[in-house]
Amino acid sequence: MTISTPKNIFSNIPTELPEEFFETLLQQDNIRIERIISKGHHNAANDWYDQVQDEWIVLLQGQAKLEFYEPASIQLLNSGDYLLIPAHIKHRVAWTLENSETIWLAIHIFPNAGNEG
């Protein structure tokens, strides 16, 4: 295995973001690491994620609100905040900043090496 070239999580941000931007940074065995960039993006009111994998997220920049289906709650996330969303906990992005990018790092931990999701 060779050492990869360093990259910066805050570089190469698209200037136009008509929809949320998802970029896989690493995928190996049962782990996928993504950079997600939002700018005023949110899920529709009835558009819930219900994932087979656990998802650990950290908000690197910006602000966001995550809404959870049951028990019903909304979590405000600021830069530096992180949390674990266990598999099959229904959630959605309810709000992100409109005037600047919100940058997430998401680590998906799949129950097996298939990386289904």
N, C-alpha and C. Protein backbone atom coordinates (compact mmCIF):
# COMPACT_ATOMS: atom_id res chain seq x y z
N MET A 1 0.85 -1.18 0.00
CA MET A 1 0.00 0.00 0.00
C MET A 1 0.89 1.24 0.00
N THR A 2 0.52 2.23 -0.80
CA THR A 2 1.30 3.47 -0.86
C THR A 2 0.59 4.58 -0.10
N ILE A 3 1.36 5.54 0.31
CA ILE A 3 0.82 6.71 1.01
C ILE A 3 0.20 7.63 -0.03
N SER A 4 -1.01 8.11 0.25
CA SER A 4 -1.68 9.01 -0.69
C SER A 4 -1.16 10.43 -0.53
N THR A 5 -1.44 11.25 -1.52
CA THR A 5 -1.07 12.66 -1.50
C THR A 5 -2.03 13.42 -0.58
N PRO A 6 -1.51 14.30 0.29
CA PRO A 6 -2.40 15.05 1.17
C PRO A 6 -3.39 15.92 0.39
N LYS A 7 -4.59 16.01 0.88
CA LYS A 7 -5.62 16.87 0.32
C LYS A 7 -6.21 17.69 1.46
N ASN A 8 -6.94 18.73 1.14
CA ASN A 8 -7.53 19.58 2.16
C ASN A 8 -9.04 19.49 2.09
N ILE A 9 -9.68 19.24 3.20
CA ILE A 9 -11.14 19.06 3.27
C ILE A 9 -11.88 20.33 2.86
N PHE A 10 -11.22 21.49 2.97
CA PHE A 10 -11.86 22.76 2.66
C PHE A 10 -11.55 23.26 1.24
N SER A 11 -10.84 22.48 0.45
CA SER A 11 -10.51 22.92 -0.91
C SER A 11 -11.44 22.27 -1.92
N ASN A 12 -11.40 22.79 -3.13
CA ASN A 12 -12.21 22.28 -4.25
C ASN A 12 -13.70 22.22 -3.93
N ILE A 13 -14.18 23.28 -3.32
CA ILE A 13 -15.62 23.39 -3.05
C ILE A 13 -16.29 23.96 -4.29
N PRO A 14 -17.29 23.25 -4.81
CA PRO A 14 -17.96 23.77 -6.02
C PRO A 14 -18.53 25.17 -5.78
N THR A 15 -18.40 26.03 -6.80
CA THR A 15 -18.93 27.39 -6.68
C THR A 15 -20.45 27.40 -6.78
N GLU A 16 -21.01 26.50 -7.55
CA GLU A 16 -22.46 26.37 -7.68
C GLU A 16 -22.88 25.07 -7.00
N LEU A 17 -23.89 25.16 -6.15
CA LEU A 17 -24.39 23.98 -5.44
C LEU A 17 -25.91 23.88 -5.61
N PRO A 18 -26.36 23.48 -6.80
CA PRO A 18 -27.81 23.36 -7.00
C PRO A 18 -28.43 22.28 -6.11
N GLU A 19 -27.60 21.32 -5.68
CA GLU A 19 -28.05 20.30 -4.73
C GLU A 19 -26.88 19.98 -3.82
N GLU A 20 -27.17 19.28 -2.74
CA GLU A 20 -26.12 18.90 -1.82
C GLU A 20 -25.04 18.12 -2.56
N PHE A 21 -23.78 18.35 -2.18
CA PHE A 21 -22.63 17.73 -2.83
C PHE A 21 -22.09 16.63 -1.94
N PHE A 22 -22.00 15.41 -2.46
CA PHE A 22 -21.48 14.25 -1.74
C PHE A 22 -20.21 13.78 -2.43
N GLU A 23 -19.15 13.58 -1.65
CA GLU A 23 -17.88 13.11 -2.20
C GLU A 23 -17.32 12.02 -1.29
N THR A 24 -17.13 10.83 -1.84
CA THR A 24 -16.52 9.75 -1.08
C THR A 24 -15.02 10.00 -1.01
N LEU A 25 -14.50 10.09 0.22
CA LEU A 25 -13.07 10.31 0.43
C LEU A 25 -12.32 9.00 0.61
N LEU A 26 -13.00 8.02 1.21
CA LEU A 26 -12.40 6.71 1.44
C LEU A 26 -13.50 5.68 1.54
N GLN A 27 -13.30 4.56 0.89
CA GLN A 27 -14.23 3.43 1.01
C GLN A 27 -13.39 2.17 1.12
N GLN A 28 -13.59 1.47 2.25
CA GLN A 28 -12.79 0.28 2.49
C GLN A 28 -13.54 -0.64 3.45
N ASP A 29 -13.64 -1.91 3.08
CA ASP A 29 -14.35 -2.90 3.89
C ASP A 29 -15.74 -2.37 4.26
N ASN A 30 -16.02 -2.22 5.56
CA ASN A 30 -17.36 -1.80 5.96
C ASN A 30 -17.42 -0.31 6.35
N ILE A 31 -16.48 0.49 5.86
CA ILE A 31 -16.40 1.92 6.19
C ILE A 31 -16.46 2.75 4.91
N ARG A 32 -17.26 3.81 4.94
CA ARG A 32 -17.21 4.82 3.87
C ARG A 32 -17.15 6.18 4.54
N ILE A 33 -16.19 7.01 4.13
CA ILE A 33 -16.03 8.36 4.66
C ILE A 33 -16.39 9.33 3.55
N GLU A 34 -17.30 10.25 3.85
CA GLU A 34 -17.79 11.22 2.86
C GLU A 34 -17.60 12.64 3.35
N ARG A 35 -17.36 13.51 2.39
CA ARG A 35 -17.48 14.95 2.63
C ARG A 35 -18.80 15.36 2.00
N ILE A 36 -19.61 16.08 2.76
CA ILE A 36 -20.90 16.56 2.27
C ILE A 36 -20.89 18.08 2.40
N ILE A 37 -21.31 18.76 1.34
CA ILE A 37 -21.36 20.22 1.37
C ILE A 37 -22.80 20.64 1.10
N SER A 38 -23.34 21.43 2.01
CA SER A 38 -24.69 21.96 1.90
C SER A 38 -24.63 23.47 1.88
N LYS A 39 -25.59 24.08 1.23
CA LYS A 39 -25.70 25.54 1.24
C LYS A 39 -27.18 25.87 1.06
N GLY A 40 -27.89 25.93 2.18
CA GLY A 40 -29.32 26.16 2.15
C GLY A 40 -30.11 24.91 1.80
N HIS A 41 -29.46 23.77 1.75
CA HIS A 41 -30.14 22.53 1.37
C HIS A 41 -30.81 21.90 2.58
N HIS A 42 -31.87 21.17 2.31
CA HIS A 42 -32.58 20.41 3.33
C HIS A 42 -33.41 19.35 2.63
N ASN A 43 -33.80 18.34 3.39
CA ASN A 43 -34.68 17.30 2.84
C ASN A 43 -36.12 17.79 2.87
N ALA A 44 -36.92 17.26 1.97
CA ALA A 44 -38.36 17.55 1.98
C ALA A 44 -38.95 17.06 3.31
N ALA A 45 -40.08 17.61 3.68
CA ALA A 45 -40.69 17.34 4.99
C ALA A 45 -40.88 15.85 5.26
N ASN A 46 -41.19 15.06 4.26
CA ASN A 46 -41.42 13.63 4.47
C ASN A 46 -40.32 12.76 3.87
N ASP A 47 -39.14 13.34 3.67
CA ASP A 47 -38.01 12.62 3.07
C ASP A 47 -37.03 12.25 4.17
N TRP A 48 -37.20 11.06 4.75
CA TRP A 48 -36.40 10.60 5.87
C TRP A 48 -35.33 9.62 5.41
N TYR A 49 -34.12 9.77 5.94
CA TYR A 49 -33.10 8.75 5.77
C TYR A 49 -33.41 7.62 6.75
N ASP A 50 -33.35 6.38 6.28
CA ASP A 50 -33.51 5.19 7.11
C ASP A 50 -32.45 4.22 6.63
N GLN A 51 -31.26 4.34 7.20
CA GLN A 51 -30.07 3.69 6.67
C GLN A 51 -29.77 2.37 7.38
N VAL A 52 -29.18 1.43 6.66
CA VAL A 52 -28.78 0.15 7.24
C VAL A 52 -27.50 0.29 8.07
N GLN A 53 -26.78 1.37 7.89
CA GLN A 53 -25.50 1.58 8.56
C GLN A 53 -25.61 2.63 9.65
N ASP A 54 -24.70 2.52 10.64
CA ASP A 54 -24.50 3.61 11.59
C ASP A 54 -23.80 4.74 10.84
N GLU A 55 -24.06 5.97 11.27
CA GLU A 55 -23.41 7.13 10.64
C GLU A 55 -22.92 8.06 11.73
N TRP A 56 -21.61 8.27 11.75
CA TRP A 56 -21.00 9.23 12.67
C TRP A 56 -20.71 10.47 11.86
N ILE A 57 -21.20 11.62 12.33
CA ILE A 57 -21.00 12.86 11.59
C ILE A 57 -20.35 13.92 12.48
N VAL A 58 -19.57 14.77 11.85
CA VAL A 58 -19.03 15.96 12.50
C VAL A 58 -19.26 17.13 11.55
N LEU A 59 -19.72 18.22 12.11
CA LEU A 59 -19.92 19.44 11.31
C LEU A 59 -18.62 20.23 11.40
N LEU A 60 -17.92 20.31 10.28
CA LEU A 60 -16.62 20.99 10.25
C LEU A 60 -16.77 22.50 10.12
N GLN A 61 -17.81 22.93 9.42
CA GLN A 61 -18.02 24.36 9.16
C GLN A 61 -19.51 24.59 8.97
N GLY A 62 -20.01 25.73 9.47
CA GLY A 62 -21.39 26.11 9.23
C GLY A 62 -22.32 25.70 10.35
N GLN A 63 -23.60 25.62 10.02
CA GLN A 63 -24.65 25.24 10.96
C GLN A 63 -25.67 24.39 10.23
N ALA A 64 -26.33 23.53 10.99
CA ALA A 64 -27.37 22.68 10.41
C ALA A 64 -28.33 22.25 11.51
N LYS A 65 -29.53 21.89 11.09
CA LYS A 65 -30.50 21.29 12.00
C LYS A 65 -30.84 19.91 11.45
N LEU A 66 -30.70 18.90 12.30
CA LEU A 66 -31.12 17.55 11.97
C LEU A 66 -32.41 17.28 12.71
N GLU A 67 -33.39 16.70 12.01
CA GLU A 67 -34.65 16.33 12.63
C GLU A 67 -34.71 14.82 12.71
N PHE A 68 -35.13 14.33 13.87
CA PHE A 68 -35.27 12.90 14.09
C PHE A 68 -36.75 12.56 14.21
N TYR A 69 -37.11 11.43 13.60
CA TYR A 69 -38.52 11.03 13.49
C TYR A 69 -39.08 10.54 14.83
N GLU A 70 -38.36 9.60 15.46
CA GLU A 70 -38.87 9.01 16.70
C GLU A 70 -37.71 8.62 17.59
N PRO A 71 -37.59 9.16 18.77
CA PRO A 71 -38.49 10.18 19.29
C PRO A 71 -38.28 11.51 18.56
N ALA A 72 -39.35 12.20 18.32
CA ALA A 72 -39.31 13.46 17.56
C ALA A 72 -38.43 14.48 18.27
N SER A 73 -37.44 14.98 17.53
CA SER A 73 -36.57 16.02 18.08
C SER A 73 -35.83 16.71 16.95
N ILE A 74 -35.32 17.88 17.25
CA ILE A 74 -34.47 18.63 16.31
C ILE A 74 -33.19 18.97 17.04
N GLN A 75 -32.06 18.69 16.39
CA GLN A 75 -30.75 18.99 16.97
C GLN A 75 -30.08 20.08 16.13
N LEU A 76 -29.71 21.17 16.78
CA LEU A 76 -28.94 22.22 16.12
C LEU A 76 -27.47 21.84 16.22
N LEU A 77 -26.78 21.82 15.09
CA LEU A 77 -25.36 21.51 15.05
C LEU A 77 -24.58 22.75 14.64
N ASN A 78 -23.52 23.04 15.38
CA ASN A 78 -22.60 24.12 15.08
C ASN A 78 -21.25 23.52 14.72
N SER A 79 -20.35 24.32 14.17
CA SER A 79 -19.01 23.84 13.81
C SER A 79 -18.39 23.13 15.00
N GLY A 80 -17.88 21.93 14.74
CA GLY A 80 -17.23 21.14 15.77
C GLY A 80 -18.14 20.12 16.44
N ASP A 81 -19.45 20.25 16.27
CA ASP A 81 -20.38 19.29 16.88
C ASP A 81 -20.36 17.98 16.12
N TYR A 82 -20.47 16.89 16.85
CA TYR A 82 -20.53 15.57 16.22
C TYR A 82 -21.52 14.69 16.96
N LEU A 83 -21.99 13.66 16.26
CA LEU A 83 -22.90 12.71 16.88
C LEU A 83 -22.95 11.43 16.08
N LEU A 84 -23.44 10.38 16.73
CA LEU A 84 -23.62 9.08 16.10
C LEU A 84 -25.11 8.88 15.85
N ILE A 85 -25.46 8.56 14.62
CA ILE A 85 -26.84 8.23 14.26
C ILE A 85 -26.86 6.72 14.03
N PRO A 86 -27.45 5.96 14.95
CA PRO A 86 -27.48 4.50 14.77
C PRO A 86 -28.31 4.11 13.55
N ALA A 87 -28.03 2.93 13.02
CA ALA A 87 -28.77 2.39 11.88
C ALA A 87 -30.27 2.43 12.17
N HIS A 88 -31.04 2.73 11.15
CA HIS A 88 -32.50 2.73 11.16
C HIS A 88 -33.14 3.78 12.07
N ILE A 89 -32.36 4.77 12.50
CA ILE A 89 -32.94 5.93 13.18
C ILE A 89 -33.29 6.91 12.07
N LYS A 90 -34.59 7.10 11.86
CA LYS A 90 -35.03 7.99 10.77
C LYS A 90 -34.65 9.43 11.09
N HIS A 91 -34.02 10.07 10.11
CA HIS A 91 -33.59 11.46 10.29
C HIS A 91 -33.57 12.16 8.94
N ARG A 92 -33.53 13.48 9.02
CA ARG A 92 -33.47 14.30 7.81
C ARG A 92 -32.75 15.59 8.13
N VAL A 93 -32.18 16.21 7.09
CA VAL A 93 -31.59 17.54 7.25
C VAL A 93 -32.74 18.53 7.13
N ALA A 94 -33.02 19.23 8.21
CA ALA A 94 -34.14 20.17 8.24
C ALA A 94 -33.74 21.57 7.77
N TRP A 95 -32.44 21.91 7.91
CA TRP A 95 -32.00 23.27 7.58
C TRP A 95 -30.48 23.32 7.56
N THR A 96 -29.93 24.11 6.62
CA THR A 96 -28.52 24.49 6.63
C THR A 96 -28.42 25.97 6.26
N LEU A 97 -27.30 26.58 6.60
CA LEU A 97 -27.09 27.99 6.28
C LEU A 97 -27.24 28.24 4.79
N GLU A 98 -27.84 29.36 4.44
CA GLU A 98 -28.04 29.69 3.03
C GLU A 98 -26.91 30.53 2.45
N ASN A 99 -26.23 31.31 3.28
CA ASN A 99 -25.24 32.26 2.77
C ASN A 99 -23.80 31.76 2.80
N SER A 100 -23.58 30.59 3.36
CA SER A 100 -22.23 30.01 3.36
C SER A 100 -22.33 28.49 3.40
N GLU A 101 -21.23 27.85 3.06
CA GLU A 101 -21.23 26.40 2.98
C GLU A 101 -21.24 25.77 4.37
N THR A 102 -21.99 24.72 4.49
CA THR A 102 -21.94 23.85 5.66
C THR A 102 -21.21 22.60 5.20
N ILE A 103 -20.11 22.28 5.88
CA ILE A 103 -19.27 21.15 5.48
C ILE A 103 -19.33 20.08 6.56
N TRP A 104 -19.76 18.89 6.13
CA TRP A 104 -19.90 17.73 7.02
C TRP A 104 -18.82 16.71 6.69
N LEU A 105 -18.42 15.95 7.68
CA LEU A 105 -17.65 14.74 7.46
C LEU A 105 -18.51 13.61 8.03
N ALA A 106 -18.83 12.64 7.19
CA ALA A 106 -19.70 11.53 7.59
C ALA A 106 -18.93 10.22 7.46
N ILE A 107 -18.96 9.44 8.52
CA ILE A 107 -18.35 8.12 8.50
C ILE A 107 -19.46 7.10 8.62
N HIS A 108 -19.65 6.32 7.57
CA HIS A 108 -20.68 5.29 7.51
C HIS A 108 -20.05 3.96 7.90
N ILE A 109 -20.65 3.30 8.89
CA ILE A 109 -20.14 2.02 9.38
C ILE A 109 -21.19 0.97 9.07
N PHE A 110 -20.91 0.16 8.07
CA PHE A 110 -21.88 -0.83 7.59
C PHE A 110 -21.81 -2.10 8.42
N PRO A 111 -22.94 -2.82 8.52
CA PRO A 111 -22.97 -4.03 9.34
C PRO A 111 -22.17 -5.20 8.74
N ASN A 112 -21.82 -5.10 7.46
CA ASN A 112 -21.00 -6.14 6.83
C ASN A 112 -20.13 -5.46 5.78
N ALA A 113 -19.31 -6.22 5.11
CA ALA A 113 -18.36 -5.65 4.15
C ALA A 113 -18.98 -5.30 2.81
N GLY A 114 -20.30 -5.44 2.66
CA GLY A 114 -20.94 -5.20 1.38
C GLY A 114 -21.11 -3.74 1.01
N ASN A 115 -21.04 -2.82 1.98
CA ASN A 115 -21.23 -1.39 1.77
C ASN A 115 -22.52 -1.07 1.07
N GLU A 116 -23.59 -1.81 1.38
CA GLU A 116 -24.89 -1.47 0.80
C GLU A 116 -25.40 -0.22 1.52
N GLY A 117 -26.16 0.58 0.83
CA GLY A 117 -26.67 1.75 1.50
C GLY A 117 -27.44 2.55 0.59
